[in-house]
Amino acid sequence: MIDPALGPLLFDTSAQSWLDRSTHPAVRSWLASYLERHRTHVSAITVMERIRGFALLLQQAAPEQRGDMAMKRQAYLDSLGQVLPVDTSVASYAAELAAMLPQPPSPLKRSHRLAESRQDRLFRWSCDILIAATALAAGMPLVHHNPRDFETIRMAIETSPERFPTLGPLNLISVVRLASV
């Protein structure tokens, strides 16, 4: 279990989504304890990914479901804590990472609806790189639910420290470790 007093933490899109959906009592308790001490910190890229997800769901929703979806999107926006921008430092670190890691390490996702396109996978990979760069620039641990991709980024930074001379390592925390679920 990760001490809720540790923080603040930067939450990746997949971690934030997982925490929002979890009904496990230990997870709900950990999150409540964390939020008593810290605001939620996310990258502007996480906001973009979540709002894109809502937009895609709204497009597919039946007319009678759209009002509920729009309210959930607004509730998400209203609940945002600290949103960290993509500034020059983040963009520079992300550019270095993208040059080092041009191809996503994880395979395309498949769901019960359809297979993810290569274009969508590359988009998600670019977002993961920008979120990792945000964590690096802010000097914050990154909570994620995407180990294959973020571990690839962490290892690239550790094997090429000369490309990131002013940064420490990418400190990763798996979301499932937060409450030891």
N, C-alpha and C. Protein backbone atom coordinates (compact mmCIF):
# COMPACT_ATOMS: atom_id res chain seq x y z
N MET A 1 0.84 -1.18 0.00
CA MET A 1 0.00 0.00 0.00
C MET A 1 0.88 1.25 0.00
N ILE A 2 0.47 2.23 -0.75
CA ILE A 2 1.15 3.51 -0.80
C ILE A 2 0.50 4.44 0.21
N ASP A 3 1.30 5.05 1.07
CA ASP A 3 0.78 5.96 2.08
C ASP A 3 0.06 7.13 1.41
N PRO A 4 -1.21 7.37 1.74
CA PRO A 4 -1.94 8.49 1.13
C PRO A 4 -1.32 9.85 1.44
N ALA A 5 -0.46 9.91 2.47
CA ALA A 5 0.21 11.17 2.78
C ALA A 5 1.29 11.49 1.75
N LEU A 6 1.77 10.45 1.02
CA LEU A 6 2.75 10.66 -0.03
C LEU A 6 2.09 11.48 -1.13
N GLY A 7 2.76 12.51 -1.52
CA GLY A 7 2.17 13.27 -2.61
C GLY A 7 2.64 14.70 -2.61
N PRO A 8 2.14 15.44 -3.51
CA PRO A 8 1.10 15.06 -4.45
C PRO A 8 1.62 14.12 -5.53
N LEU A 9 0.69 13.40 -6.13
CA LEU A 9 0.99 12.45 -7.19
C LEU A 9 0.34 12.94 -8.48
N LEU A 10 0.95 12.61 -9.61
CA LEU A 10 0.36 12.91 -10.91
C LEU A 10 -0.34 11.64 -11.39
N PHE A 11 -1.62 11.76 -11.73
CA PHE A 11 -2.41 10.59 -12.14
C PHE A 11 -2.52 10.56 -13.66
N ASP A 12 -2.13 9.43 -14.23
CA ASP A 12 -2.30 9.17 -15.66
C ASP A 12 -3.78 8.97 -15.94
N THR A 13 -4.14 9.07 -17.21
CA THR A 13 -5.52 8.91 -17.64
C THR A 13 -6.09 7.57 -17.21
N SER A 14 -5.36 6.50 -17.47
CA SER A 14 -5.87 5.17 -17.14
C SER A 14 -6.00 4.98 -15.63
N ALA A 15 -5.11 5.55 -14.85
CA ALA A 15 -5.19 5.45 -13.40
C ALA A 15 -6.39 6.24 -12.87
N GLN A 16 -6.55 7.43 -13.39
CA GLN A 16 -7.68 8.26 -12.95
C GLN A 16 -9.00 7.57 -13.29
N SER A 17 -9.10 7.03 -14.47
CA SER A 17 -10.31 6.33 -14.89
C SER A 17 -10.55 5.10 -14.02
N TRP A 18 -9.50 4.34 -13.74
CA TRP A 18 -9.62 3.15 -12.89
C TRP A 18 -10.10 3.52 -11.50
N LEU A 19 -9.52 4.59 -10.94
CA LEU A 19 -9.94 5.04 -9.60
C LEU A 19 -11.40 5.48 -9.61
N ASP A 20 -11.82 6.16 -10.65
CA ASP A 20 -13.21 6.61 -10.74
C ASP A 20 -14.19 5.44 -10.80
N ARG A 21 -13.80 4.35 -11.44
CA ARG A 21 -14.69 3.20 -11.62
C ARG A 21 -14.64 2.21 -10.46
N SER A 22 -13.58 2.22 -9.68
CA SER A 22 -13.42 1.22 -8.65
C SER A 22 -14.46 1.37 -7.54
N THR A 23 -15.02 0.23 -7.15
CA THR A 23 -15.95 0.21 -6.02
C THR A 23 -15.35 -0.54 -4.83
N HIS A 24 -14.09 -0.96 -4.98
CA HIS A 24 -13.43 -1.71 -3.91
C HIS A 24 -13.29 -0.81 -2.68
N PRO A 25 -13.71 -1.28 -1.50
CA PRO A 25 -13.65 -0.44 -0.30
C PRO A 25 -12.25 0.08 0.03
N ALA A 26 -11.22 -0.73 -0.17
CA ALA A 26 -9.86 -0.28 0.13
C ALA A 26 -9.44 0.85 -0.80
N VAL A 27 -9.84 0.76 -2.05
CA VAL A 27 -9.52 1.81 -3.03
C VAL A 27 -10.26 3.09 -2.67
N ARG A 28 -11.56 2.98 -2.38
CA ARG A 28 -12.36 4.16 -2.03
C ARG A 28 -11.79 4.82 -0.77
N SER A 29 -11.38 4.01 0.19
CA SER A 29 -10.82 4.54 1.44
C SER A 29 -9.48 5.24 1.18
N TRP A 30 -8.62 4.61 0.39
CA TRP A 30 -7.33 5.22 0.07
C TRP A 30 -7.53 6.56 -0.63
N LEU A 31 -8.41 6.59 -1.62
CA LEU A 31 -8.64 7.81 -2.37
C LEU A 31 -9.20 8.92 -1.48
N ALA A 32 -10.14 8.59 -0.62
CA ALA A 32 -10.70 9.60 0.30
C ALA A 32 -9.61 10.15 1.21
N SER A 33 -8.75 9.27 1.71
CA SER A 33 -7.66 9.71 2.59
C SER A 33 -6.66 10.58 1.83
N TYR A 34 -6.35 10.19 0.59
CA TYR A 34 -5.45 10.99 -0.24
C TYR A 34 -6.03 12.38 -0.49
N LEU A 35 -7.31 12.43 -0.84
CA LEU A 35 -7.95 13.71 -1.18
C LEU A 35 -8.13 14.62 0.02
N GLU A 36 -8.07 14.07 1.23
CA GLU A 36 -8.09 14.90 2.44
C GLU A 36 -6.78 15.69 2.56
N ARG A 37 -5.71 15.18 1.97
CA ARG A 37 -4.39 15.78 2.09
C ARG A 37 -3.93 16.54 0.85
N HIS A 38 -4.39 16.10 -0.32
CA HIS A 38 -3.86 16.62 -1.59
C HIS A 38 -4.99 16.86 -2.59
N ARG A 39 -4.71 17.78 -3.49
CA ARG A 39 -5.57 17.92 -4.65
C ARG A 39 -5.14 16.87 -5.67
N THR A 40 -6.04 16.49 -6.55
CA THR A 40 -5.69 15.59 -7.63
C THR A 40 -4.87 16.38 -8.65
N HIS A 41 -3.75 15.84 -9.09
CA HIS A 41 -2.92 16.47 -10.11
C HIS A 41 -2.96 15.61 -11.37
N VAL A 42 -3.27 16.24 -12.49
CA VAL A 42 -3.28 15.56 -13.78
C VAL A 42 -2.62 16.47 -14.80
N SER A 43 -2.17 15.86 -15.88
CA SER A 43 -1.66 16.61 -17.02
C SER A 43 -2.83 17.13 -17.84
N ALA A 44 -2.62 18.23 -18.54
CA ALA A 44 -3.63 18.72 -19.48
C ALA A 44 -3.94 17.64 -20.51
N ILE A 45 -2.98 16.77 -20.78
CA ILE A 45 -3.19 15.67 -21.73
C ILE A 45 -4.19 14.66 -21.18
N THR A 46 -4.18 14.43 -19.89
CA THR A 46 -5.17 13.54 -19.28
C THR A 46 -6.57 14.13 -19.46
N VAL A 47 -6.70 15.42 -19.25
CA VAL A 47 -8.01 16.07 -19.46
C VAL A 47 -8.44 15.88 -20.91
N MET A 48 -7.52 16.09 -21.85
CA MET A 48 -7.84 15.93 -23.26
C MET A 48 -8.30 14.50 -23.55
N GLU A 49 -7.57 13.51 -23.03
CA GLU A 49 -7.94 12.12 -23.28
C GLU A 49 -9.31 11.78 -22.69
N ARG A 50 -9.57 12.24 -21.47
CA ARG A 50 -10.86 11.94 -20.83
C ARG A 50 -12.01 12.61 -21.57
N ILE A 51 -11.85 13.88 -21.96
CA ILE A 51 -12.91 14.58 -22.68
C ILE A 51 -13.11 13.97 -24.06
N ARG A 52 -12.04 13.52 -24.70
CA ARG A 52 -12.17 12.81 -25.98
C ARG A 52 -12.99 11.54 -25.78
N GLY A 53 -12.72 10.81 -24.70
CA GLY A 53 -13.49 9.61 -24.40
C GLY A 53 -14.97 9.91 -24.22
N PHE A 54 -15.28 10.97 -23.48
CA PHE A 54 -16.68 11.36 -23.33
C PHE A 54 -17.29 11.73 -24.68
N ALA A 55 -16.55 12.45 -25.51
CA ALA A 55 -17.06 12.86 -26.82
C ALA A 55 -17.37 11.64 -27.70
N LEU A 56 -16.47 10.66 -27.66
CA LEU A 56 -16.70 9.44 -28.45
C LEU A 56 -17.93 8.68 -27.94
N LEU A 57 -18.08 8.61 -26.62
CA LEU A 57 -19.25 7.94 -26.06
C LEU A 57 -20.54 8.69 -26.40
N LEU A 58 -20.48 10.01 -26.34
CA LEU A 58 -21.65 10.81 -26.70
C LEU A 58 -22.08 10.59 -28.14
N GLN A 59 -21.11 10.45 -29.03
CA GLN A 59 -21.42 10.20 -30.44
C GLN A 59 -22.17 8.88 -30.63
N GLN A 60 -21.82 7.89 -29.82
CA GLN A 60 -22.39 6.56 -29.97
C GLN A 60 -23.65 6.36 -29.13
N ALA A 61 -23.89 7.26 -28.18
CA ALA A 61 -24.99 7.08 -27.24
C ALA A 61 -26.34 7.30 -27.90
N ALA A 62 -27.31 6.57 -27.40
CA ALA A 62 -28.68 6.79 -27.83
C ALA A 62 -29.12 8.17 -27.33
N PRO A 63 -30.01 8.82 -28.03
CA PRO A 63 -30.44 10.17 -27.64
C PRO A 63 -30.86 10.30 -26.17
N GLU A 64 -31.52 9.28 -25.65
CA GLU A 64 -31.98 9.36 -24.26
C GLU A 64 -30.84 9.23 -23.25
N GLN A 65 -29.65 8.80 -23.68
CA GLN A 65 -28.49 8.66 -22.79
C GLN A 65 -27.58 9.88 -22.84
N ARG A 66 -27.74 10.75 -23.80
CA ARG A 66 -26.81 11.86 -24.01
C ARG A 66 -26.80 12.86 -22.86
N GLY A 67 -27.95 13.12 -22.30
CA GLY A 67 -28.01 14.07 -21.18
C GLY A 67 -27.20 13.57 -19.99
N ASP A 68 -27.34 12.27 -19.68
CA ASP A 68 -26.58 11.67 -18.57
C ASP A 68 -25.08 11.71 -18.86
N MET A 69 -24.71 11.42 -20.12
CA MET A 69 -23.29 11.45 -20.50
C MET A 69 -22.72 12.86 -20.37
N ALA A 70 -23.49 13.84 -20.81
CA ALA A 70 -23.04 15.23 -20.72
C ALA A 70 -22.87 15.65 -19.26
N MET A 71 -23.77 15.18 -18.39
CA MET A 71 -23.64 15.50 -16.97
C MET A 71 -22.40 14.85 -16.37
N LYS A 72 -22.10 13.62 -16.78
CA LYS A 72 -20.89 12.95 -16.28
C LYS A 72 -19.63 13.68 -16.74
N ARG A 73 -19.64 14.14 -17.99
CA ARG A 73 -18.50 14.91 -18.49
C ARG A 73 -18.33 16.19 -17.69
N GLN A 74 -19.42 16.89 -17.43
CA GLN A 74 -19.33 18.13 -16.66
C GLN A 74 -18.89 17.86 -15.22
N ALA A 75 -19.38 16.76 -14.64
CA ALA A 75 -18.96 16.39 -13.28
C ALA A 75 -17.46 16.13 -13.25
N TYR A 76 -16.94 15.48 -14.28
CA TYR A 76 -15.49 15.25 -14.35
C TYR A 76 -14.76 16.59 -14.38
N LEU A 77 -15.19 17.50 -15.24
CA LEU A 77 -14.53 18.81 -15.35
C LEU A 77 -14.62 19.58 -14.03
N ASP A 78 -15.76 19.50 -13.37
CA ASP A 78 -15.95 20.21 -12.09
C ASP A 78 -15.10 19.62 -10.98
N SER A 79 -14.73 18.33 -11.09
CA SER A 79 -13.97 17.67 -10.03
C SER A 79 -12.46 17.78 -10.20
N LEU A 80 -12.03 18.38 -11.30
CA LEU A 80 -10.59 18.46 -11.55
C LEU A 80 -9.89 19.23 -10.45
N GLY A 81 -8.73 18.73 -10.07
CA GLY A 81 -7.89 19.44 -9.12
C GLY A 81 -6.91 20.33 -9.87
N GLN A 82 -5.64 20.07 -9.70
CA GLN A 82 -4.59 20.84 -10.36
C GLN A 82 -4.29 20.23 -11.73
N VAL A 83 -4.42 21.01 -12.79
CA VAL A 83 -4.11 20.56 -14.14
C VAL A 83 -2.79 21.18 -14.55
N LEU A 84 -1.79 20.32 -14.80
CA LEU A 84 -0.46 20.80 -15.18
C LEU A 84 -0.40 20.98 -16.69
N PRO A 85 0.08 22.13 -17.15
CA PRO A 85 0.08 22.43 -18.59
C PRO A 85 1.22 21.74 -19.32
N VAL A 86 1.09 21.71 -20.63
CA VAL A 86 2.19 21.30 -21.50
C VAL A 86 2.92 22.59 -21.84
N ASP A 87 4.04 22.81 -21.14
CA ASP A 87 4.83 24.01 -21.37
C ASP A 87 6.10 23.65 -22.16
N THR A 88 7.02 24.57 -22.24
CA THR A 88 8.25 24.34 -23.01
C THR A 88 9.06 23.16 -22.47
N SER A 89 9.17 23.06 -21.15
CA SER A 89 9.92 21.95 -20.56
C SER A 89 9.28 20.60 -20.88
N VAL A 90 7.98 20.52 -20.70
CA VAL A 90 7.26 19.27 -20.99
C VAL A 90 7.41 18.93 -22.47
N ALA A 91 7.22 19.91 -23.33
CA ALA A 91 7.33 19.67 -24.77
C ALA A 91 8.74 19.21 -25.15
N SER A 92 9.76 19.79 -24.54
CA SER A 92 11.15 19.40 -24.84
C SER A 92 11.44 17.97 -24.40
N TYR A 93 11.01 17.62 -23.17
CA TYR A 93 11.23 16.26 -22.69
C TYR A 93 10.45 15.26 -23.55
N ALA A 94 9.23 15.61 -23.90
CA ALA A 94 8.41 14.72 -24.74
C ALA A 94 9.05 14.53 -26.11
N ALA A 95 9.61 15.58 -26.66
CA ALA A 95 10.26 15.47 -27.98
C ALA A 95 11.45 14.51 -27.91
N GLU A 96 12.24 14.60 -26.88
CA GLU A 96 13.37 13.67 -26.70
C GLU A 96 12.88 12.23 -26.58
N LEU A 97 11.84 12.05 -25.78
CA LEU A 97 11.29 10.69 -25.59
C LEU A 97 10.71 10.15 -26.90
N ALA A 98 10.00 10.99 -27.64
CA ALA A 98 9.41 10.55 -28.91
C ALA A 98 10.49 10.18 -29.91
N ALA A 99 11.61 10.89 -29.88
CA ALA A 99 12.72 10.56 -30.78
C ALA A 99 13.36 9.22 -30.38
N MET A 100 13.45 8.96 -29.09
CA MET A 100 14.03 7.72 -28.60
C MET A 100 13.09 6.53 -28.79
N LEU A 101 11.79 6.78 -28.70
CA LEU A 101 10.79 5.71 -28.67
C LEU A 101 9.68 6.00 -29.69
N PRO A 102 9.99 5.91 -30.97
CA PRO A 102 8.98 6.29 -31.98
C PRO A 102 7.81 5.31 -32.10
N GLN A 103 8.00 4.08 -31.67
CA GLN A 103 6.94 3.07 -31.81
C GLN A 103 6.40 2.66 -30.44
N PRO A 104 5.09 2.55 -30.32
CA PRO A 104 4.51 2.12 -29.05
C PRO A 104 4.88 0.67 -28.75
N PRO A 105 5.22 0.37 -27.49
CA PRO A 105 5.62 -1.00 -27.15
C PRO A 105 4.45 -1.96 -26.98
N SER A 106 3.28 -1.46 -26.67
CA SER A 106 2.16 -2.38 -26.45
C SER A 106 1.37 -2.58 -27.73
N PRO A 107 0.74 -3.73 -27.84
CA PRO A 107 -0.04 -4.01 -29.06
C PRO A 107 -1.33 -3.20 -29.10
N LEU A 108 -1.96 -3.21 -30.25
CA LEU A 108 -3.25 -2.56 -30.39
C LEU A 108 -4.24 -3.20 -29.42
N LYS A 109 -5.12 -2.37 -28.87
CA LYS A 109 -6.15 -2.89 -27.97
C LYS A 109 -7.31 -3.42 -28.78
N ARG A 110 -7.91 -4.44 -28.24
CA ARG A 110 -9.13 -4.97 -28.85
C ARG A 110 -10.22 -4.95 -27.79
N SER A 111 -11.38 -4.55 -28.19
CA SER A 111 -12.51 -4.56 -27.26
C SER A 111 -13.63 -5.38 -27.87
N HIS A 112 -14.72 -5.48 -27.15
CA HIS A 112 -15.86 -6.23 -27.67
C HIS A 112 -16.48 -5.50 -28.86
N ARG A 113 -16.18 -4.21 -29.01
CA ARG A 113 -16.76 -3.45 -30.12
C ARG A 113 -15.91 -3.51 -31.38
N LEU A 114 -14.63 -3.17 -31.26
CA LEU A 114 -13.78 -3.13 -32.43
C LEU A 114 -12.32 -3.09 -32.04
N ALA A 115 -11.47 -3.34 -32.99
CA ALA A 115 -10.03 -3.29 -32.76
C ALA A 115 -9.57 -1.84 -32.88
N GLU A 116 -8.64 -1.47 -32.03
CA GLU A 116 -8.07 -0.13 -32.07
C GLU A 116 -7.24 0.02 -33.34
N SER A 117 -7.35 1.15 -33.99
CA SER A 117 -6.55 1.39 -35.19
C SER A 117 -5.12 1.75 -34.81
N ARG A 118 -4.22 1.58 -35.75
CA ARG A 118 -2.82 1.98 -35.52
C ARG A 118 -2.74 3.47 -35.21
N GLN A 119 -3.53 4.26 -35.89
CA GLN A 119 -3.55 5.71 -35.65
C GLN A 119 -3.97 6.01 -34.21
N ASP A 120 -4.99 5.31 -33.71
CA ASP A 120 -5.41 5.52 -32.32
C ASP A 120 -4.31 5.10 -31.35
N ARG A 121 -3.62 3.99 -31.65
CA ARG A 121 -2.54 3.52 -30.77
C ARG A 121 -1.41 4.54 -30.74
N LEU A 122 -1.04 5.09 -31.89
CA LEU A 122 0.01 6.10 -31.94
C LEU A 122 -0.41 7.36 -31.19
N PHE A 123 -1.68 7.71 -31.28
CA PHE A 123 -2.20 8.86 -30.53
C PHE A 123 -2.06 8.61 -29.03
N ARG A 124 -2.48 7.42 -28.56
CA ARG A 124 -2.35 7.09 -27.13
C ARG A 124 -0.89 7.10 -26.69
N TRP A 125 0.00 6.60 -27.56
CA TRP A 125 1.43 6.56 -27.24
C TRP A 125 1.96 7.99 -27.08
N SER A 126 1.58 8.88 -27.97
CA SER A 126 2.00 10.28 -27.87
C SER A 126 1.49 10.89 -26.57
N CYS A 127 0.27 10.56 -26.21
CA CYS A 127 -0.29 11.07 -24.95
C CYS A 127 0.49 10.53 -23.75
N ASP A 128 0.81 9.23 -23.76
CA ASP A 128 1.59 8.65 -22.66
C ASP A 128 2.95 9.34 -22.53
N ILE A 129 3.59 9.62 -23.64
CA ILE A 129 4.88 10.31 -23.61
C ILE A 129 4.73 11.70 -23.02
N LEU A 130 3.70 12.43 -23.42
CA LEU A 130 3.48 13.77 -22.87
C LEU A 130 3.15 13.74 -21.38
N ILE A 131 2.40 12.74 -20.94
CA ILE A 131 2.08 12.62 -19.52
C ILE A 131 3.35 12.27 -18.72
N ALA A 132 4.16 11.37 -19.24
CA ALA A 132 5.44 11.05 -18.57
C ALA A 132 6.33 12.29 -18.51
N ALA A 133 6.38 13.05 -19.59
CA ALA A 133 7.19 14.28 -19.61
C ALA A 133 6.66 15.29 -18.60
N THR A 134 5.35 15.34 -18.42
CA THR A 134 4.76 16.23 -17.41
C THR A 134 5.22 15.83 -16.02
N ALA A 135 5.20 14.53 -15.73
CA ALA A 135 5.66 14.04 -14.42
C ALA A 135 7.13 14.38 -14.21
N LEU A 136 7.94 14.20 -15.25
CA LEU A 136 9.36 14.51 -15.15
C LEU A 136 9.58 16.00 -14.88
N ALA A 137 8.91 16.85 -15.65
CA ALA A 137 9.08 18.30 -15.49
C ALA A 137 8.62 18.77 -14.12
N ALA A 138 7.55 18.16 -13.60
CA ALA A 138 7.02 18.55 -12.29
C ALA A 138 7.76 17.87 -11.14
N GLY A 139 8.57 16.85 -11.44
CA GLY A 139 9.26 16.11 -10.39
C GLY A 139 8.30 15.32 -9.51
N MET A 140 7.23 14.83 -10.11
CA MET A 140 6.20 14.12 -9.36
C MET A 140 6.17 12.64 -9.73
N PRO A 141 5.86 11.77 -8.75
CA PRO A 141 5.62 10.37 -9.09
C PRO A 141 4.39 10.27 -9.99
N LEU A 142 4.42 9.34 -10.92
CA LEU A 142 3.33 9.14 -11.86
C LEU A 142 2.58 7.86 -11.52
N VAL A 143 1.29 8.00 -11.21
CA VAL A 143 0.44 6.85 -10.94
C VAL A 143 -0.18 6.44 -12.27
N HIS A 144 -0.05 5.16 -12.60
CA HIS A 144 -0.50 4.68 -13.92
C HIS A 144 -1.19 3.33 -13.80
N HIS A 145 -1.85 2.94 -14.87
CA HIS A 145 -2.44 1.60 -14.98
C HIS A 145 -2.08 1.06 -16.37
N ASN A 146 -0.84 1.34 -16.76
CA ASN A 146 -0.36 1.04 -18.10
C ASN A 146 1.12 0.68 -18.01
N PRO A 147 1.47 -0.42 -17.33
CA PRO A 147 2.87 -0.69 -17.05
C PRO A 147 3.76 -0.89 -18.26
N ARG A 148 3.28 -1.54 -19.28
CA ARG A 148 4.15 -1.83 -20.42
C ARG A 148 4.69 -0.55 -21.05
N ASP A 149 3.83 0.41 -21.28
CA ASP A 149 4.26 1.64 -21.92
C ASP A 149 5.10 2.51 -20.99
N PHE A 150 4.64 2.72 -19.78
CA PHE A 150 5.39 3.61 -18.89
C PHE A 150 6.72 3.02 -18.43
N GLU A 151 6.79 1.71 -18.26
CA GLU A 151 8.08 1.09 -17.93
C GLU A 151 9.06 1.24 -19.09
N THR A 152 8.58 1.18 -20.32
CA THR A 152 9.44 1.39 -21.49
C THR A 152 10.01 2.80 -21.46
N ILE A 153 9.19 3.77 -21.14
CA ILE A 153 9.65 5.16 -21.05
C ILE A 153 10.66 5.31 -19.91
N ARG A 154 10.34 4.73 -18.75
CA ARG A 154 11.26 4.82 -17.60
C ARG A 154 12.62 4.22 -17.93
N MET A 155 12.62 3.07 -18.57
CA MET A 155 13.89 2.41 -18.91
C MET A 155 14.68 3.22 -19.94
N ALA A 156 14.01 3.84 -20.89
CA ALA A 156 14.71 4.66 -21.90
C ALA A 156 15.41 5.84 -21.23
N ILE A 157 14.76 6.44 -20.25
CA ILE A 157 15.37 7.57 -19.53
C ILE A 157 16.58 7.09 -18.73
N GLU A 158 16.44 5.94 -18.08
CA GLU A 158 17.54 5.42 -17.27
C GLU A 158 18.73 4.96 -18.11
N THR A 159 18.48 4.48 -19.32
CA THR A 159 19.59 4.02 -20.16
C THR A 159 20.23 5.15 -20.96
N SER A 160 19.61 6.32 -20.99
CA SER A 160 20.17 7.48 -21.71
C SER A 160 20.12 8.74 -20.85
N PRO A 161 20.73 8.71 -19.67
CA PRO A 161 20.63 9.87 -18.77
C PRO A 161 21.24 11.15 -19.36
N GLU A 162 22.16 11.00 -20.31
CA GLU A 162 22.77 12.19 -20.91
C GLU A 162 21.75 13.02 -21.69
N ARG A 163 20.66 12.42 -22.11
CA ARG A 163 19.62 13.16 -22.84
C ARG A 163 18.73 13.94 -21.89
N PHE A 164 18.79 13.61 -20.60
CA PHE A 164 17.95 14.24 -19.59
C PHE A 164 18.82 14.63 -18.39
N PRO A 165 19.82 15.49 -18.59
CA PRO A 165 20.80 15.75 -17.53
C PRO A 165 20.24 16.42 -16.28
N THR A 166 19.15 17.14 -16.39
CA THR A 166 18.63 17.86 -15.22
C THR A 166 17.50 17.11 -14.52
N LEU A 167 17.18 15.90 -15.00
CA LEU A 167 16.04 15.17 -14.45
C LEU A 167 16.49 13.97 -13.64
N GLY A 168 15.66 13.65 -12.69
CA GLY A 168 15.84 12.39 -11.98
C GLY A 168 15.12 11.31 -12.76
N PRO A 169 14.98 10.15 -12.17
CA PRO A 169 14.28 9.07 -12.86
C PRO A 169 12.77 9.34 -12.91
N LEU A 170 12.10 8.61 -13.78
CA LEU A 170 10.65 8.64 -13.83
C LEU A 170 10.16 7.70 -12.73
N ASN A 171 9.57 8.27 -11.70
CA ASN A 171 9.10 7.50 -10.56
C ASN A 171 7.68 7.03 -10.85
N LEU A 172 7.52 5.72 -11.05
CA LEU A 172 6.23 5.14 -11.41
C LEU A 172 5.60 4.40 -10.24
N ILE A 173 4.28 4.54 -10.11
CA ILE A 173 3.51 3.81 -9.11
C ILE A 173 2.31 3.20 -9.83
N SER A 174 2.19 1.91 -9.75
CA SER A 174 1.02 1.25 -10.34
C SER A 174 -0.21 1.54 -9.48
N VAL A 175 -1.31 1.85 -10.13
CA VAL A 175 -2.52 2.21 -9.40
C VAL A 175 -2.98 1.09 -8.49
N VAL A 176 -2.73 -0.16 -8.86
CA VAL A 176 -3.17 -1.27 -8.01
C VAL A 176 -2.35 -1.36 -6.72
N ARG A 177 -1.21 -0.69 -6.66
CA ARG A 177 -0.40 -0.67 -5.43
C ARG A 177 -0.90 0.37 -4.43
N LEU A 178 -1.74 1.29 -4.86
CA LEU A 178 -2.18 2.36 -3.97
C LEU A 178 -2.86 1.80 -2.72
N ALA A 179 -3.78 0.91 -2.93
CA ALA A 179 -4.53 0.35 -1.81
C ALA A 179 -4.30 -1.15 -1.65
N SER A 180 -3.28 -1.66 -2.33
CA SER A 180 -2.96 -3.09 -2.29
C SER A 180 -4.17 -3.96 -2.60
N VAL A 181 -4.79 -3.66 -3.72
CA VAL A 181 -5.97 -4.42 -4.14
C VAL A 181 -5.54 -5.72 -4.77
